[in-house]
Amino acid sequence: MATKIFYVEDEVFLAKIIKESLESRGYEVCLVTDGAKALAAYEQYAADICVLDVMLPNVDGFEIGQAIREQTPKTPIIYLTAKDQTQDVLAGFKAGGNDYIKKPCSIEELLVRIENLLSLTHQKAAKPYTKEAIQLGAFTFSPLKSQLQYKEKEAISLSHKEAELLKFFAQHINQVSDRRLLLNTVWGDDSFFNSRNLDVYIAKLRNYFKVDEQVKIITLRGVGYRFLVENQ
């Protein structure tokens, strides 16, 4: 069954491009162009995720997002808007948003954010992470013990953040991991300070894995990372 996206956008030309791009990749899209009609349309559509413009006629996207959050608390919401001041971003998260994308953005970035947010939502609904050991190339990662072992060598004791970061990557092997989503998942927010911390921890993990060419953390500038593990 196709993932259902509830999309609200009043710029007709842009809306048509994004709707067709999403549908060409297998998504089902319900497009609404008037803020006043959005909530009635949402009530008739069992959406898996919402993509909302903010500056809309009659009712703005933040109001729509707040109402959606009250109706269906677990449905992820992405705000897609040209409003890019810090106070606008904060207002978006306060209005129930899970992510905030500044226009103009590429369809590739939107797709990555949709896919990662859906993946994260699915993980939250699933049972707690209980795998005792995960094979990553020649490494064995033990999430419950926060240990990483290379072949028969002595296991490395990981810090809490190192283990949480590696757990995220282990759940997204060979997938694109959005930087903002990663920050919000591991640190709880995507502040500048935490973003710099992320760079430090990525460097630490790369240092651990440098002895094994099967495992790589690839930086995708402007998007995030891809955790590559050969033969997986």
C-alpha atoms as a PDB file:
ATOM      1  CA  MET A   1       0.000   0.000   0.000  1.00  0.00           C
ATOM      2  CA  ALA A   2       1.334   3.431  -0.984  1.00  0.00           C
ATOM      3  CA  THR A   3       2.363   5.928   1.691  1.00  0.00           C
ATOM      4  CA  LYS A   4      -0.250   8.687   1.850  1.00  0.00           C
ATOM      5  CA  ILE A   5       0.965  12.293   1.961  1.00  0.00           C
ATOM      6  CA  PHE A   6      -1.343  15.182   2.877  1.00  0.00           C
ATOM      7  CA  TYR A   7       0.112  18.192   1.061  1.00  0.00           C
ATOM      8  CA  VAL A   8      -1.067  21.805   1.479  1.00  0.00           C
ATOM      9  CA  GLU A   9       0.426  24.405  -0.892  1.00  0.00           C
ATOM     10  CA  ASP A  10      -1.161  27.452  -2.566  1.00  0.00           C
ATOM     11  CA  GLU A  11       1.527  27.997  -5.224  1.00  0.00           C
ATOM     12  CA  VAL A  12      -0.145  25.981  -7.973  1.00  0.00           C
ATOM     13  CA  PHE A  13       2.888  25.519 -10.220  1.00  0.00           C
ATOM     14  CA  LEU A  14       5.149  24.419  -7.348  1.00  0.00           C
ATOM     15  CA  ALA A  15       2.423  22.180  -5.920  1.00  0.00           C
ATOM     16  CA  LYS A  16       1.986  20.437  -9.274  1.00  0.00           C
ATOM     17  CA  ILE A  17       5.717  19.746  -9.608  1.00  0.00           C
ATOM     18  CA  ILE A  18       6.088  18.373  -6.084  1.00  0.00           C
ATOM     19  CA  LYS A  19       2.880  16.331  -6.265  1.00  0.00           C
ATOM     20  CA  GLU A  20       3.889  14.713  -9.556  1.00  0.00           C
ATOM     21  CA  SER A  21       7.448  14.096  -8.304  1.00  0.00           C
ATOM     22  CA  LEU A  22       6.161  12.350  -5.184  1.00  0.00           C
ATOM     23  CA  GLU A  23       3.626  10.305  -7.140  1.00  0.00           C
ATOM     24  CA  SER A  24       6.303   9.235  -9.634  1.00  0.00           C
ATOM     25  CA  ARG A  25       8.147   7.702  -6.675  1.00  0.00           C
ATOM     26  CA  GLY A  26       5.159   5.690  -5.535  1.00  0.00           C
ATOM     27  CA  TYR A  27       3.562   7.999  -2.978  1.00  0.00           C
ATOM     28  CA  GLU A  28      -0.143   8.827  -2.906  1.00  0.00           C
ATOM     29  CA  VAL A  29      -0.702  12.591  -2.533  1.00  0.00           C
ATOM     30  CA  CYS A  30      -3.766  14.559  -1.444  1.00  0.00           C
ATOM     31  CA  LEU A  31      -3.176  18.180  -2.503  1.00  0.00           C
ATOM     32  CA  VAL A  32      -5.099  21.098  -0.980  1.00  0.00           C
ATOM     33  CA  THR A  33      -4.428  24.687  -2.106  1.00  0.00           C
ATOM     34  CA  ASP A  34      -6.628  26.660   0.305  1.00  0.00           C
ATOM     35  CA  GLY A  35      -5.933  26.725   4.041  1.00  0.00           C
ATOM     36  CA  ALA A  36      -9.625  27.077   4.826  1.00  0.00           C
ATOM     37  CA  LYS A  37     -10.360  23.722   3.159  1.00  0.00           C
ATOM     38  CA  ALA A  38      -7.399  21.837   4.594  1.00  0.00           C
ATOM     39  CA  LEU A  39      -8.831  20.474   7.838  1.00  0.00           C
ATOM     40  CA  ALA A  40     -12.044  19.203   6.227  1.00  0.00           C
ATOM     41  CA  ALA A  41      -9.938  17.452   3.574  1.00  0.00           C
ATOM     42  CA  TYR A  42      -7.594  16.026   6.219  1.00  0.00           C
ATOM     43  CA  GLU A  43     -10.484  14.490   8.148  1.00  0.00           C
ATOM     44  CA  GLN A  44     -11.428  12.528   5.027  1.00  0.00           C
ATOM     45  CA  TYR A  45      -7.885  11.363   4.302  1.00  0.00           C
ATOM     46  CA  ALA A  46      -5.956   8.855   6.415  1.00  0.00           C
ATOM     47  CA  ALA A  47      -2.559  10.480   5.942  1.00  0.00           C
ATOM     48  CA  ASP A  48       0.732   8.856   6.913  1.00  0.00           C
ATOM     49  CA  ILE A  49       2.553  12.198   6.882  1.00  0.00           C
ATOM     50  CA  CYS A  50       1.740  15.891   6.272  1.00  0.00           C
ATOM     51  CA  VAL A  51       3.707  18.459   4.268  1.00  0.00           C
ATOM     52  CA  LEU A  52       2.337  21.948   4.961  1.00  0.00           C
ATOM     53  CA  ASP A  53       3.142  25.327   3.492  1.00  0.00           C
ATOM     54  CA  VAL A  54       2.914  28.094   6.095  1.00  0.00           C
ATOM     55  CA  MET A  55       1.805  31.208   4.195  1.00  0.00           C
ATOM     56  CA  LEU A  56      -1.611  30.108   2.951  1.00  0.00           C
ATOM     57  CA  PRO A  57      -4.838  31.945   2.123  1.00  0.00           C
ATOM     58  CA  ASN A  58      -7.439  32.143   4.924  1.00  0.00           C
ATOM     59  CA  VAL A  59      -5.764  29.785   7.447  1.00  0.00           C
ATOM     60  CA  ASP A  60      -1.986  29.520   7.804  1.00  0.00           C
ATOM     61  CA  GLY A  61      -0.042  26.275   7.954  1.00  0.00           C
ATOM     62  CA  PHE A  62       0.836  26.587  11.637  1.00  0.00           C
ATOM     63  CA  GLU A  63      -2.851  26.684  12.582  1.00  0.00           C
ATOM     64  CA  ILE A  64      -3.521  23.673  10.368  1.00  0.00           C
ATOM     65  CA  GLY A  65      -0.578  21.830  11.883  1.00  0.00           C
ATOM     66  CA  GLN A  66      -1.751  22.502  15.429  1.00  0.00           C
ATOM     67  CA  ALA A  67      -5.236  21.206  14.604  1.00  0.00           C
ATOM     68  CA  ILE A  68      -3.799  18.093  12.941  1.00  0.00           C
ATOM     69  CA  ARG A  69      -1.571  17.479  15.955  1.00  0.00           C
ATOM     70  CA  GLU A  70      -4.644  17.612  18.230  1.00  0.00           C
ATOM     71  CA  GLN A  71      -6.583  15.196  16.014  1.00  0.00           C
ATOM     72  CA  THR A  72      -3.794  12.722  15.288  1.00  0.00           C
ATOM     73  CA  PRO A  73      -0.873  13.261  17.696  1.00  0.00           C
ATOM     74  CA  LYS A  74       1.407  10.687  16.058  1.00  0.00           C
ATOM     75  CA  THR A  75       1.108  11.850  12.424  1.00  0.00           C
ATOM     76  CA  PRO A  76       4.429  13.478  11.406  1.00  0.00           C
ATOM     77  CA  ILE A  77       4.297  17.049  10.099  1.00  0.00           C
ATOM     78  CA  ILE A  78       6.831  18.788   7.860  1.00  0.00           C
ATOM     79  CA  TYR A  79       6.563  22.540   7.319  1.00  0.00           C
ATOM     80  CA  LEU A  80       7.778  23.587   3.872  1.00  0.00           C
ATOM     81  CA  THR A  81       8.046  27.372   3.726  1.00  0.00           C
ATOM     82  CA  ALA A  82       9.955  30.455   2.621  1.00  0.00           C
ATOM     83  CA  LYS A  83       9.800  31.835   6.169  1.00  0.00           C
ATOM     84  CA  ASP A  84      13.331  31.187   7.358  1.00  0.00           C
ATOM     85  CA  GLN A  85      13.952  33.372  10.406  1.00  0.00           C
ATOM     86  CA  THR A  86      14.872  31.631  13.648  1.00  0.00           C
ATOM     87  CA  GLN A  87      11.593  32.678  15.256  1.00  0.00           C
ATOM     88  CA  ASP A  88       9.699  31.145  12.331  1.00  0.00           C
ATOM     89  CA  VAL A  89      11.520  27.831  12.722  1.00  0.00           C
ATOM     90  CA  LEU A  90      10.833  27.807  16.463  1.00  0.00           C
ATOM     91  CA  ALA A  91       7.180  28.663  15.834  1.00  0.00           C
ATOM     92  CA  GLY A  92       6.970  25.720  13.457  1.00  0.00           C
ATOM     93  CA  PHE A  93       8.201  23.251  16.056  1.00  0.00           C
ATOM     94  CA  LYS A  94       5.926  24.798  18.689  1.00  0.00           C
ATOM     95  CA  ALA A  95       3.037  24.341  16.265  1.00  0.00           C
ATOM     96  CA  GLY A  96       3.567  20.580  16.267  1.00  0.00           C
ATOM     97  CA  GLY A  97       6.073  20.273  13.442  1.00  0.00           C
ATOM     98  CA  ASN A  98       8.532  17.388  13.335  1.00  0.00           C
ATOM     99  CA  ASP A  99      10.662  19.005  10.650  1.00  0.00           C
ATOM    100  CA  TYR A 100      11.007  22.394   8.930  1.00  0.00           C
ATOM    101  CA  ILE A 101      12.326  22.785   5.373  1.00  0.00           C
ATOM    102  CA  LYS A 102      13.173  26.177   3.952  1.00  0.00           C
ATOM    103  CA  LYS A 103      12.168  27.009   0.383  1.00  0.00           C
ATOM    104  CA  PRO A 104      13.519  26.648  -2.166  1.00  0.00           C
ATOM    105  CA  CYS A 105      14.535  23.037  -1.603  1.00  0.00           C
ATOM    106  CA  SER A 106      15.230  20.144  -3.936  1.00  0.00           C
ATOM    107  CA  ILE A 107      12.758  17.303  -4.324  1.00  0.00           C
ATOM    108  CA  GLU A 108      15.605  14.997  -3.277  1.00  0.00           C
ATOM    109  CA  GLU A 109      15.927  16.764   0.086  1.00  0.00           C
ATOM    110  CA  LEU A 110      12.168  16.638   0.627  1.00  0.00           C
ATOM    111  CA  LEU A 111      12.118  12.921  -0.182  1.00  0.00           C
ATOM    112  CA  VAL A 112      14.955  12.170   2.234  1.00  0.00           C
ATOM    113  CA  ARG A 113      13.232  14.059   5.023  1.00  0.00           C
ATOM    114  CA  ILE A 114       9.905  12.344   4.359  1.00  0.00           C
ATOM    115  CA  GLU A 115      11.482   8.890   4.281  1.00  0.00           C
ATOM    116  CA  ASN A 116      13.573   9.453   7.403  1.00  0.00           C
ATOM    117  CA  LEU A 117      10.674  10.928   9.351  1.00  0.00           C
ATOM    118  CA  LEU A 118       8.446   8.006   8.398  1.00  0.00           C
ATOM    119  CA  SER A 119      11.234   5.606   9.381  1.00  0.00           C
ATOM    120  CA  LEU A 120      11.672   7.305  12.754  1.00  0.00           C
ATOM    121  CA  THR A 121       7.920   7.276  13.395  1.00  0.00           C
ATOM    122  CA  HIS A 122       7.794   3.559  12.604  1.00  0.00           C
ATOM    123  CA  GLN A 123      10.677   2.867  14.995  1.00  0.00           C
ATOM    124  CA  LYS A 124       8.942   4.742  17.816  1.00  0.00           C
ATOM    125  CA  ALA A 125       5.820   2.663  17.297  1.00  0.00           C
ATOM    126  CA  ALA A 126       7.813  -0.562  17.256  1.00  0.00           C
ATOM    127  CA  LYS A 127       9.180  -2.503  20.201  1.00  0.00           C
ATOM    128  CA  PRO A 128      12.254  -1.120  21.969  1.00  0.00           C
ATOM    129  CA  TYR A 129      15.594  -1.855  20.342  1.00  0.00           C
ATOM    130  CA  THR A 130      16.713  -5.165  21.860  1.00  0.00           C
ATOM    131  CA  LYS A 131      19.238  -6.696  19.455  1.00  0.00           C
ATOM    132  CA  GLU A 132      22.196  -7.987  21.430  1.00  0.00           C
ATOM    133  CA  ALA A 133      24.668  -7.874  18.537  1.00  0.00           C
ATOM    134  CA  ILE A 134      24.767  -6.372  15.045  1.00  0.00           C
ATOM    135  CA  GLN A 135      27.398  -7.349  12.490  1.00  0.00           C
ATOM    136  CA  LEU A 136      28.893  -4.318  10.722  1.00  0.00           C
ATOM    137  CA  GLY A 137      31.534  -5.608   8.351  1.00  0.00           C
ATOM    138  CA  ALA A 138      34.240  -7.140  10.557  1.00  0.00           C
ATOM    139  CA  PHE A 139      32.857  -5.302  13.591  1.00  0.00           C
ATOM    140  CA  THR A 140      30.279  -6.494  16.105  1.00  0.00           C
ATOM    141  CA  PHE A 141      28.188  -3.752  17.683  1.00  0.00           C
ATOM    142  CA  SER A 142      26.424  -4.555  20.977  1.00  0.00           C
ATOM    143  CA  PRO A 143      23.846  -1.770  21.548  1.00  0.00           C
ATOM    144  CA  LEU A 144      22.758  -3.011  24.980  1.00  0.00           C
ATOM    145  CA  LYS A 145      26.361  -3.094  26.237  1.00  0.00           C
ATOM    146  CA  SER A 146      27.474   0.020  24.282  1.00  0.00           C
ATOM    147  CA  GLN A 147      30.427  -1.928  22.891  1.00  0.00           C
ATOM    148  CA  LEU A 148      32.071  -2.179  19.483  1.00  0.00           C
ATOM    149  CA  GLN A 149      34.444  -5.074  18.759  1.00  0.00           C
ATOM    150  CA  TYR A 150      36.714  -5.581  15.750  1.00  0.00           C
ATOM    151  CA  LYS A 151      37.216  -9.284  14.988  1.00  0.00           C
ATOM    152  CA  GLU A 152      38.779 -10.941  18.058  1.00  0.00           C
ATOM    153  CA  LYS A 153      40.289  -7.792  19.498  1.00  0.00           C
ATOM    154  CA  GLU A 154      39.251  -6.267  22.808  1.00  0.00           C
ATOM    155  CA  ALA A 155      35.878  -4.509  22.650  1.00  0.00           C
ATOM    156  CA  ILE A 156      35.750  -0.714  22.643  1.00  0.00           C
ATOM    157  CA  SER A 157      33.490   0.798  25.302  1.00  0.00           C
ATOM    158  CA  LEU A 158      31.399   3.493  23.617  1.00  0.00           C
ATOM    159  CA  SER A 159      30.105   6.639  25.276  1.00  0.00           C
ATOM    160  CA  HIS A 160      26.325   7.025  25.475  1.00  0.00           C
ATOM    161  CA  LYS A 161      26.217   9.416  22.502  1.00  0.00           C
ATOM    162  CA  GLU A 162      28.552   7.246  20.424  1.00  0.00           C
ATOM    163  CA  ALA A 163      26.313   4.242  21.067  1.00  0.00           C
ATOM    164  CA  GLU A 164      23.108   6.169  20.293  1.00  0.00           C
ATOM    165  CA  LEU A 165      24.595   7.559  17.100  1.00  0.00           C
ATOM    166  CA  LEU A 166      25.804   4.142  15.971  1.00  0.00           C
ATOM    167  CA  LYS A 167      22.433   2.624  16.885  1.00  0.00           C
ATOM    168  CA  PHE A 168      20.758   5.161  14.585  1.00  0.00           C
ATOM    169  CA  PHE A 169      23.158   4.290  11.752  1.00  0.00           C
ATOM    170  CA  ALA A 170      22.713   0.549  12.367  1.00  0.00           C
ATOM    171  CA  GLN A 171      18.972   1.021  11.885  1.00  0.00           C
ATOM    172  CA  HIS A 172      19.612   2.871   8.597  1.00  0.00           C
ATOM    173  CA  ILE A 173      22.370   0.810   6.973  1.00  0.00           C
ATOM    174  CA  ASN A 174      23.022   1.892   3.362  1.00  0.00           C
ATOM    175  CA  GLN A 175      20.302   4.551   3.645  1.00  0.00           C
ATOM    176  CA  VAL A 176      20.511   8.344   3.647  1.00  0.00           C
ATOM    177  CA  SER A 177      20.319   9.710   7.199  1.00  0.00           C
ATOM    178  CA  ASP A 178      19.119  13.301   7.401  1.00  0.00           C
ATOM    179  CA  ARG A 179      21.412  15.428   9.587  1.00  0.00           C
ATOM    180  CA  ARG A 180      18.605  17.343  11.290  1.00  0.00           C
ATOM    181  CA  LEU A 181      16.646  14.185  12.037  1.00  0.00           C
ATOM    182  CA  LEU A 182      19.783  12.548  13.421  1.00  0.00           C
ATOM    183  CA  LEU A 183      20.404  15.530  15.721  1.00  0.00           C
ATOM    184  CA  ASN A 184      16.819  15.587  16.954  1.00  0.00           C
ATOM    185  CA  THR A 185      16.893  11.833  17.570  1.00  0.00           C
ATOM    186  CA  VAL A 186      20.228  11.600  19.397  1.00  0.00           C
ATOM    187  CA  TRP A 187      20.517  15.039  21.030  1.00  0.00           C
ATOM    188  CA  GLY A 188      16.898  16.174  21.219  1.00  0.00           C
ATOM    189  CA  ASP A 189      17.381  19.308  19.109  1.00  0.00           C
ATOM    190  CA  ASP A 190      19.403  20.548  16.139  1.00  0.00           C
ATOM    191  CA  SER A 191      21.098  23.566  17.727  1.00  0.00           C
ATOM    192  CA  PHE A 192      24.424  24.874  16.428  1.00  0.00           C
ATOM    193  CA  PHE A 193      26.205  23.555  19.545  1.00  0.00           C
ATOM    194  CA  ASN A 194      24.813  20.038  19.073  1.00  0.00           C
ATOM    195  CA  SER A 195      25.599  20.184  15.356  1.00  0.00           C
ATOM    196  CA  ARG A 196      29.271  20.763  16.183  1.00  0.00           C
ATOM    197  CA  ASN A 197      29.119  17.897  18.691  1.00  0.00           C
ATOM    198  CA  LEU A 198      27.752  15.662  15.949  1.00  0.00           C
ATOM    199  CA  ASP A 199      30.794  16.439  13.786  1.00  0.00           C
ATOM    200  CA  VAL A 200      33.070  15.372  16.653  1.00  0.00           C
ATOM    201  CA  TYR A 201      31.231  12.081  17.200  1.00  0.00           C
ATOM    202  CA  ILE A 202      31.125  11.298  13.472  1.00  0.00           C
ATOM    203  CA  ALA A 203      34.916  11.730  13.432  1.00  0.00           C
ATOM    204  CA  LYS A 204      35.233   9.346  16.401  1.00  0.00           C
ATOM    205  CA  LEU A 205      33.139   6.649  14.720  1.00  0.00           C
ATOM    206  CA  ARG A 206      35.093   7.027  11.485  1.00  0.00           C
ATOM    207  CA  ASN A 207      38.293   6.555  13.455  1.00  0.00           C
ATOM    208  CA  TYR A 208      36.976   3.281  14.918  1.00  0.00           C
ATOM    209  CA  PHE A 209      35.928   1.970  11.520  1.00  0.00           C
ATOM    210  CA  LYS A 210      39.058   3.012   9.575  1.00  0.00           C
ATOM    211  CA  VAL A 211      40.558  -0.491   9.990  1.00  0.00           C
ATOM    212  CA  ASP A 212      37.697  -2.005   7.986  1.00  0.00           C
ATOM    213  CA  GLU A 213      37.143  -0.853   4.393  1.00  0.00           C
ATOM    214  CA  GLN A 214      33.706  -2.506   4.400  1.00  0.00           C
ATOM    215  CA  VAL A 215      32.300   0.185   6.704  1.00  0.00           C
ATOM    216  CA  LYS A 216      32.179   3.872   5.779  1.00  0.00           C
ATOM    217  CA  ILE A 217      30.299   6.975   6.907  1.00  0.00           C
ATOM    218  CA  ILE A 218      29.825   9.134   3.805  1.00  0.00           C
ATOM    219  CA  THR A 219      28.998  12.833   4.204  1.00  0.00           C
ATOM    220  CA  LEU A 220      26.247  14.104   1.877  1.00  0.00           C
ATOM    221  CA  ARG A 221      26.679  17.870   2.019  1.00  0.00           C
ATOM    222  CA  GLY A 222      23.492  19.775   2.726  1.00  0.00           C
ATOM    223  CA  VAL A 223      21.605  16.562   3.529  1.00  0.00           C
ATOM    224  CA  GLY A 224      23.337  14.279   6.038  1.00  0.00           C
ATOM    225  CA  TYR A 225      25.133  10.936   5.895  1.00  0.00           C
ATOM    226  CA  ARG A 226      25.043   7.485   4.379  1.00  0.00           C
ATOM    227  CA  PHE A 227      26.258   4.636   6.582  1.00  0.00           C
ATOM    228  CA  LEU A 228      27.681   2.114   4.123  1.00  0.00           C
ATOM    229  CA  VAL A 229      28.291  -1.504   5.062  1.00  0.00           C
ATOM    230  CA  GLU A 230      29.269  -3.802   2.193  1.00  0.00           C
ATOM    231  CA  ASN A 231      27.307  -7.034   1.719  1.00  0.00           C
ATOM    232  CA  GLN A 232      24.396  -5.798   3.848  1.00  0.00           C
END
